Every structure is written in C-alpha cells, then in structure tokens.
Amino acid sequence: MLRSSQNILAVAPRESARFRVVHEMGCIYLYHGTGGGKTTSALGLALRSVGQGNKVIIVQFMKGRRDIGEFMVSSRLSPDYEIHQFGREGWIDLECPSEEDRRRAQEGLAFAKKALNSKPNLLILDEIGLAAYVNLIRTSDVLELLNNIPDETDIVITGRWVPGEFVERADFVNEITDVKHPSEILTRKGIHY
C-alpha cells in the first residue's frame, strides 16, 4: 500500500491495456529538455544495441571534443559502433552562430543522410534538435531525412531545445527536466564526458 509522502514525485497509474511486443524498426526516439542526460540516454541505447550485435552510427552535431568517453570507446566497439563529430571543440554562440558552425552542421546532416544508405540498426543524431532550433540546419531538411528512414533503422534525436515539428514526428518523446543540481558545475570524467 502506498502512503502519501513528500518524497514520492509521481505514481504511475495501473495500465489496463496490454502491450504487444513487436520486432519492427524504423522508429524515432526524441530526448529533449533542459535536464542533463539526453546524450547519456542515447548512448545507453547504443550500448544496448551493440550488445545485441547491431550496427550503431552516432553523428554528433556541435561537438568536437575527442577526449569524451563515447568517442574514445569507438576503437574498442568497432566495427559495430561508429561516432562522427561535426563541431568545434569550443562552445557555440547560440544567439549568433558562426558560418563555420553552420557549415559543420550541414556537413553532419549530409553525412547522416549517407549513413542511412548503409541501413544501420541505430542512427543517433546527437544535438541535431538544438542545431535545427538555432538554425544551423533547416528543420525541413531534418524532417526530410526522418521521412526516409529504412525499416531496418531506428533513429534517436537529442537536443536541449527542439523544433515542435520534431516532437510531432517522433514516435517516442522523452522530456528530461532539471529538477535539482549542485550550485557548482561538476564535471567528472566517465560521468559527464
């Protein structure tokens, strides 16, 4: 029996419908919101997929650091795990992105379209939501890519802010919110990068 408590944030209602287990692919998963863990969630799916013997391709937009765990592990998980970065090492001015930032994001989108031709089991488009939101790439171009997904491929989209069209187009949408964090920004190797 559940008792009322301030520590309980939410209680899931009992599901009356039964879920069917299907083995079809071609779904779009969206992780967005102001909380941390969007890329981490996508990487968890990548690990699970590689563990099942699937091919995973990750395309990172607006990221160019090679000292991050998901990049460094690629040599150990290859050939089932690939990661490609289309960004600079530094931060992007989201209010006034540079032409170089636009060019790199557009190269990333072109690469993602080519990657779909190889029909990976999982294609992760990390930060593509934010790249479209700040107009580094056109929302319509991303939607065109999403409308041409092979049945063999699932897609994961991440981004702090995303165009509303991405929310409408995705099959699964998870909003990650910031409930609590320390007053000092902590970065721990192996956890945050």
C-alpha atoms as a PDB file:
ATOM      1  CA  MET A   1       0.000   0.000   0.000  1.00  0.00           C
ATOM      2  CA  LEU A   2       1.378   3.405  -0.990  1.00  0.00           C
ATOM      3  CA  ARG A   3       1.265   6.169   1.559  1.00  0.00           C
ATOM      4  CA  SER A   4       1.384   9.858   0.870  1.00  0.00           C
ATOM      5  CA  SER A   5       4.896  11.239   1.152  1.00  0.00           C
ATOM      6  CA  GLN A   6       6.769  14.319   0.045  1.00  0.00           C
ATOM      7  CA  ASN A   7       9.478  12.020  -1.312  1.00  0.00           C
ATOM      8  CA  ILE A   8       7.159  10.464  -3.880  1.00  0.00           C
ATOM      9  CA  LEU A   9       7.153  12.588  -7.017  1.00  0.00           C
ATOM     10  CA  ALA A  10       4.632  10.616  -9.042  1.00  0.00           C
ATOM     11  CA  VAL A  11       2.900   7.287  -9.047  1.00  0.00           C
ATOM     12  CA  ALA A  12       2.260   5.647 -12.397  1.00  0.00           C
ATOM     13  CA  PRO A  13      -1.354   4.637 -12.968  1.00  0.00           C
ATOM     14  CA  ARG A  14      -2.027   0.959 -13.448  1.00  0.00           C
ATOM     15  CA  GLU A  15      -2.048   0.145 -17.134  1.00  0.00           C
ATOM     16  CA  SER A  16      -5.229  -1.566 -18.229  1.00  0.00           C
ATOM     17  CA  ALA A  17      -4.131  -2.236 -21.800  1.00  0.00           C
ATOM     18  CA  ARG A  18      -1.672  -4.967 -22.669  1.00  0.00           C
ATOM     19  CA  PHE A  19       1.399  -4.072 -24.647  1.00  0.00           C
ATOM     20  CA  ARG A  20       2.313  -6.049 -27.733  1.00  0.00           C
ATOM     21  CA  VAL A  21       5.939  -6.908 -28.307  1.00  0.00           C
ATOM     22  CA  VAL A  22       6.850  -6.146 -31.887  1.00  0.00           C
ATOM     23  CA  HIS A  23      10.151  -6.557 -33.640  1.00  0.00           C
ATOM     24  CA  GLU A  24       9.688  -3.859 -36.229  1.00  0.00           C
ATOM     25  CA  MET A  25      12.091  -0.997 -36.569  1.00  0.00           C
ATOM     26  CA  GLY A  26      12.067   2.413 -38.127  1.00  0.00           C
ATOM     27  CA  CYS A  27      11.000   4.339 -35.011  1.00  0.00           C
ATOM     28  CA  ILE A  28      12.133   7.796 -33.951  1.00  0.00           C
ATOM     29  CA  TYR A  29      13.078   8.424 -30.316  1.00  0.00           C
ATOM     30  CA  LEU A  30      13.437  12.012 -29.087  1.00  0.00           C
ATOM     31  CA  TYR A  31      15.234  13.051 -25.893  1.00  0.00           C
ATOM     32  CA  HIS A  32      14.930  16.785 -25.229  1.00  0.00           C
ATOM     33  CA  GLY A  33      14.634  19.261 -22.385  1.00  0.00           C
ATOM     34  CA  THR A  34      16.691  21.354 -20.004  1.00  0.00           C
ATOM     35  CA  GLY A  35      17.905  18.489 -17.829  1.00  0.00           C
ATOM     36  CA  GLY A  36      21.121  16.564 -18.225  1.00  0.00           C
ATOM     37  CA  GLY A  37      21.216  13.047 -19.586  1.00  0.00           C
ATOM     38  CA  LYS A  38      19.893  13.330 -23.140  1.00  0.00           C
ATOM     39  CA  THR A  39      23.104  12.183 -24.795  1.00  0.00           C
ATOM     40  CA  THR A  40      23.662   9.701 -21.979  1.00  0.00           C
ATOM     41  CA  SER A  41      20.248   8.130 -22.651  1.00  0.00           C
ATOM     42  CA  ALA A  42      21.038   7.871 -26.351  1.00  0.00           C
ATOM     43  CA  LEU A  43      24.404   6.273 -25.570  1.00  0.00           C
ATOM     44  CA  GLY A  44      22.667   3.754 -23.331  1.00  0.00           C
ATOM     45  CA  LEU A  45      20.577   2.681 -26.328  1.00  0.00           C
ATOM     46  CA  ALA A  46      23.764   2.492 -28.404  1.00  0.00           C
ATOM     47  CA  LEU A  47      25.406   0.192 -25.856  1.00  0.00           C
ATOM     48  CA  ARG A  48      22.330  -1.998 -25.654  1.00  0.00           C
ATOM     49  CA  SER A  49      22.119  -2.185 -29.447  1.00  0.00           C
ATOM     50  CA  VAL A  50      25.811  -3.068 -29.903  1.00  0.00           C
ATOM     51  CA  GLY A  51      25.380  -5.720 -27.207  1.00  0.00           C
ATOM     52  CA  GLN A  52      22.710  -7.326 -29.385  1.00  0.00           C
ATOM     53  CA  GLY A  53      25.104  -7.424 -32.346  1.00  0.00           C
ATOM     54  CA  ASN A  54      23.611  -4.390 -34.102  1.00  0.00           C
ATOM     55  CA  LYS A  55      25.337  -1.671 -36.116  1.00  0.00           C
ATOM     56  CA  VAL A  56      25.230   1.793 -34.489  1.00  0.00           C
ATOM     57  CA  ILE A  57      26.267   5.076 -36.090  1.00  0.00           C
ATOM     58  CA  ILE A  58      26.409   8.233 -33.981  1.00  0.00           C
ATOM     59  CA  VAL A  59      26.530  11.662 -35.595  1.00  0.00           C
ATOM     60  CA  GLN A  60      27.305  14.435 -33.127  1.00  0.00           C
ATOM     61  CA  PHE A  61      26.336  17.963 -34.086  1.00  0.00           C
ATOM     62  CA  MET A  62      28.035  20.969 -32.454  1.00  0.00           C
ATOM     63  CA  LYS A  63      30.512  18.702 -30.630  1.00  0.00           C
ATOM     64  CA  GLY A  64      34.179  18.303 -31.477  1.00  0.00           C
ATOM     65  CA  ARG A  65      35.931  17.082 -28.316  1.00  0.00           C
ATOM     66  CA  ARG A  66      37.714  13.792 -28.808  1.00  0.00           C
ATOM     67  CA  ASP A  67      38.533  13.285 -25.125  1.00  0.00           C
ATOM     68  CA  ILE A  68      34.959  12.265 -24.296  1.00  0.00           C
ATOM     69  CA  GLY A  69      34.152   8.679 -23.362  1.00  0.00           C
ATOM     70  CA  GLU A  70      31.722   7.981 -26.185  1.00  0.00           C
ATOM     71  CA  PHE A  71      34.369   8.965 -28.726  1.00  0.00           C
ATOM     72  CA  MET A  72      37.281   7.181 -27.049  1.00  0.00           C
ATOM     73  CA  VAL A  73      35.410   3.869 -26.753  1.00  0.00           C
ATOM     74  CA  SER A  74      34.828   3.657 -30.500  1.00  0.00           C
ATOM     75  CA  SER A  75      38.095   1.797 -31.142  1.00  0.00           C
ATOM     76  CA  ARG A  76      37.019  -0.918 -28.691  1.00  0.00           C
ATOM     77  CA  LEU A  77      33.478  -1.311 -30.047  1.00  0.00           C
ATOM     78  CA  SER A  78      34.330  -1.031 -33.733  1.00  0.00           C
ATOM     79  CA  PRO A  79      33.072  -2.078 -36.278  1.00  0.00           C
ATOM     80  CA  ASP A  80      29.605  -2.205 -34.680  1.00  0.00           C
ATOM     81  CA  TYR A  81      29.937   1.297 -33.185  1.00  0.00           C
ATOM     82  CA  GLU A  82      30.920   4.404 -35.130  1.00  0.00           C
ATOM     83  CA  ILE A  83      30.954   8.008 -33.971  1.00  0.00           C
ATOM     84  CA  HIS A  84      31.440  11.063 -36.179  1.00  0.00           C
ATOM     85  CA  GLN A  85      31.668  14.644 -34.920  1.00  0.00           C
ATOM     86  CA  PHE A  86      30.642  17.769 -36.794  1.00  0.00           C
ATOM     87  CA  GLY A  87      31.502  20.604 -34.477  1.00  0.00           C
ATOM     88  CA  ARG A  88      34.322  22.591 -32.955  1.00  0.00           C
ATOM     89  CA  GLU A  89      35.897  21.899 -29.568  1.00  0.00           C
ATOM     90  CA  GLY A  90      34.650  25.156 -28.067  1.00  0.00           C
ATOM     91  CA  TRP A  91      31.176  26.403 -27.249  1.00  0.00           C
ATOM     92  CA  ILE A  92      28.889  27.792 -29.933  1.00  0.00           C
ATOM     93  CA  ASP A  93      27.263  31.187 -29.522  1.00  0.00           C
ATOM     94  CA  LEU A  94      23.658  30.007 -29.833  1.00  0.00           C
ATOM     95  CA  GLU A  95      22.377  33.536 -30.445  1.00  0.00           C
ATOM     96  CA  CYS A  96      24.872  34.245 -33.217  1.00  0.00           C
ATOM     97  CA  PRO A  97      26.426  31.027 -34.585  1.00  0.00           C
ATOM     98  CA  SER A  98      29.332  31.371 -36.988  1.00  0.00           C
ATOM     99  CA  GLU A  99      29.369  30.348 -40.623  1.00  0.00           C
ATOM    100  CA  GLU A 100      31.822  27.606 -39.667  1.00  0.00           C
ATOM    101  CA  ASP A 101      29.257  26.234 -37.199  1.00  0.00           C
ATOM    102  CA  ARG A 102      26.610  26.258 -39.948  1.00  0.00           C
ATOM    103  CA  ARG A 103      28.923  24.583 -42.436  1.00  0.00           C
ATOM    104  CA  ARG A 104      29.868  21.829 -39.989  1.00  0.00           C
ATOM    105  CA  ALA A 105      26.222  21.176 -39.061  1.00  0.00           C
ATOM    106  CA  GLN A 106      25.248  20.961 -42.734  1.00  0.00           C
ATOM    107  CA  GLU A 107      28.129  18.533 -43.333  1.00  0.00           C
ATOM    108  CA  GLY A 108      26.822  16.461 -40.425  1.00  0.00           C
ATOM    109  CA  LEU A 109      23.341  16.343 -41.914  1.00  0.00           C
ATOM    110  CA  ALA A 110      24.730  15.302 -45.308  1.00  0.00           C
ATOM    111  CA  PHE A 111      26.768  12.587 -43.570  1.00  0.00           C
ATOM    112  CA  ALA A 112      23.677  11.352 -41.688  1.00  0.00           C
ATOM    113  CA  LYS A 113      21.764  11.045 -44.960  1.00  0.00           C
ATOM    114  CA  LYS A 114      24.595   8.959 -46.444  1.00  0.00           C
ATOM    115  CA  ALA A 115      24.792   6.852 -43.278  1.00  0.00           C
ATOM    116  CA  LEU A 116      21.140   5.889 -43.732  1.00  0.00           C
ATOM    117  CA  ASN A 117      22.071   4.250 -47.036  1.00  0.00           C
ATOM    118  CA  SER A 118      24.066   1.632 -45.110  1.00  0.00           C
ATOM    119  CA  LYS A 119      20.916   0.871 -43.078  1.00  0.00           C
ATOM    120  CA  PRO A 120      22.417   0.805 -39.579  1.00  0.00           C
ATOM    121  CA  ASN A 121      20.208  -0.649 -36.873  1.00  0.00           C
ATOM    122  CA  LEU A 122      20.515   2.566 -34.864  1.00  0.00           C
ATOM    123  CA  LEU A 123      21.394   6.081 -36.023  1.00  0.00           C
ATOM    124  CA  ILE A 124      21.866   8.618 -33.238  1.00  0.00           C
ATOM    125  CA  LEU A 125      21.656  12.282 -34.227  1.00  0.00           C
ATOM    126  CA  ASP A 126      23.102  13.858 -31.103  1.00  0.00           C
ATOM    127  CA  GLU A 127      22.235  17.570 -30.680  1.00  0.00           C
ATOM    128  CA  ILE A 128      20.520  17.744 -34.085  1.00  0.00           C
ATOM    129  CA  GLY A 129      17.462  19.151 -32.301  1.00  0.00           C
ATOM    130  CA  LEU A 130      19.433  22.097 -30.953  1.00  0.00           C
ATOM    131  CA  ALA A 131      21.254  22.555 -34.274  1.00  0.00           C
ATOM    132  CA  ALA A 132      17.897  22.928 -36.015  1.00  0.00           C
ATOM    133  CA  TYR A 133      16.450  25.086 -33.243  1.00  0.00           C
ATOM    134  CA  VAL A 134      19.255  27.669 -33.611  1.00  0.00           C
ATOM    135  CA  ASN A 135      19.074  27.489 -37.437  1.00  0.00           C
ATOM    136  CA  LEU A 136      22.408  25.829 -38.106  1.00  0.00           C
ATOM    137  CA  ILE A 137      20.414  23.485 -40.329  1.00  0.00           C
ATOM    138  CA  ARG A 138      16.876  23.718 -41.650  1.00  0.00           C
ATOM    139  CA  THR A 139      14.120  21.881 -39.814  1.00  0.00           C
ATOM    140  CA  SER A 140      12.616  20.879 -43.164  1.00  0.00           C
ATOM    141  CA  ASP A 141      15.884  19.175 -44.182  1.00  0.00           C
ATOM    142  CA  VAL A 142      15.921  17.125 -40.977  1.00  0.00           C
ATOM    143  CA  LEU A 143      12.261  16.169 -41.472  1.00  0.00           C
ATOM    144  CA  GLU A 144      13.102  15.025 -44.996  1.00  0.00           C
ATOM    145  CA  LEU A 145      15.760  12.718 -43.543  1.00  0.00           C
ATOM    146  CA  LEU A 146      13.278  11.424 -40.954  1.00  0.00           C
ATOM    147  CA  ASN A 147      10.729  10.693 -43.661  1.00  0.00           C
ATOM    148  CA  ASN A 148      13.201   8.415 -45.465  1.00  0.00           C
ATOM    149  CA  ILE A 149      14.198   6.044 -42.670  1.00  0.00           C
ATOM    150  CA  PRO A 150      14.712   2.441 -43.779  1.00  0.00           C
ATOM    151  CA  ASP A 151      12.610  -0.106 -41.875  1.00  0.00           C
ATOM    152  CA  GLU A 152      15.846  -1.595 -40.519  1.00  0.00           C
ATOM    153  CA  THR A 153      16.861   1.627 -38.767  1.00  0.00           C
ATOM    154  CA  ASP A 154      15.734   3.309 -35.570  1.00  0.00           C
ATOM    155  CA  ILE A 155      16.712   6.942 -35.039  1.00  0.00           C
ATOM    156  CA  VAL A 156      17.471   8.827 -31.830  1.00  0.00           C
ATOM    157  CA  ILE A 157      17.350  12.633 -31.762  1.00  0.00           C
ATOM    158  CA  THR A 158      18.695  14.687 -28.866  1.00  0.00           C
ATOM    159  CA  GLY A 159      18.772  18.392 -28.100  1.00  0.00           C
ATOM    160  CA  ARG A 160      18.039  20.798 -25.268  1.00  0.00           C
ATOM    161  CA  TRP A 161      15.542  22.715 -27.375  1.00  0.00           C
ATOM    162  CA  VAL A 162      13.969  21.216 -30.475  1.00  0.00           C
ATOM    163  CA  PRO A 163      11.544  22.458 -33.131  1.00  0.00           C
ATOM    164  CA  GLY A 164       7.937  21.449 -32.400  1.00  0.00           C
ATOM    165  CA  GLU A 165       7.855  19.513 -35.666  1.00  0.00           C
ATOM    166  CA  PHE A 166      10.363  17.043 -34.204  1.00  0.00           C
ATOM    167  CA  VAL A 167       8.063  16.371 -31.250  1.00  0.00           C
ATOM    168  CA  GLU A 168       5.166  15.763 -33.652  1.00  0.00           C
ATOM    169  CA  ARG A 169       7.206  13.484 -35.932  1.00  0.00           C
ATOM    170  CA  ALA A 170       8.841  11.321 -33.225  1.00  0.00           C
ATOM    171  CA  ASP A 171       7.246   8.050 -32.152  1.00  0.00           C
ATOM    172  CA  PHE A 172       8.637   8.253 -28.603  1.00  0.00           C
ATOM    173  CA  VAL A 173       9.246  11.585 -26.865  1.00  0.00           C
ATOM    174  CA  ASN A 174      11.011  11.944 -23.533  1.00  0.00           C
ATOM    175  CA  GLU A 175      11.423  15.352 -21.941  1.00  0.00           C
ATOM    176  CA  ILE A 176      14.264  15.498 -19.456  1.00  0.00           C
ATOM    177  CA  THR A 177      13.833  18.291 -16.927  1.00  0.00           C
ATOM    178  CA  ASP A 178      16.248  19.774 -14.454  1.00  0.00           C
ATOM    179  CA  VAL A 179      14.790  19.089 -11.011  1.00  0.00           C
ATOM    180  CA  LYS A 180      17.903  19.643  -8.916  1.00  0.00           C
ATOM    181  CA  HIS A 181      21.621  20.208  -9.416  1.00  0.00           C
ATOM    182  CA  PRO A 182      24.566  21.431  -7.312  1.00  0.00           C
ATOM    183  CA  SER A 183      25.295  25.156  -7.220  1.00  0.00           C
ATOM    184  CA  GLU A 184      28.761  24.478  -8.630  1.00  0.00           C
ATOM    185  CA  ILE A 185      29.078  22.880 -12.036  1.00  0.00           C
ATOM    186  CA  LEU A 186      30.646  19.465 -11.595  1.00  0.00           C
ATOM    187  CA  THR A 187      32.276  17.561 -14.418  1.00  0.00           C
ATOM    188  CA  ARG A 188      33.539  14.087 -13.752  1.00  0.00           C
ATOM    189  CA  LYS A 189      35.499  12.045 -16.259  1.00  0.00           C
ATOM    190  CA  GLY A 190      33.487   8.978 -17.200  1.00  0.00           C
ATOM    191  CA  ILE A 191      30.214  10.505 -15.992  1.00  0.00           C
ATOM    192  CA  HIS A 192      29.884  13.892 -17.711  1.00  0.00           C
ATOM    193  CA  TYR A 193      32.306  13.354 -20.575  1.00  0.00           C
END
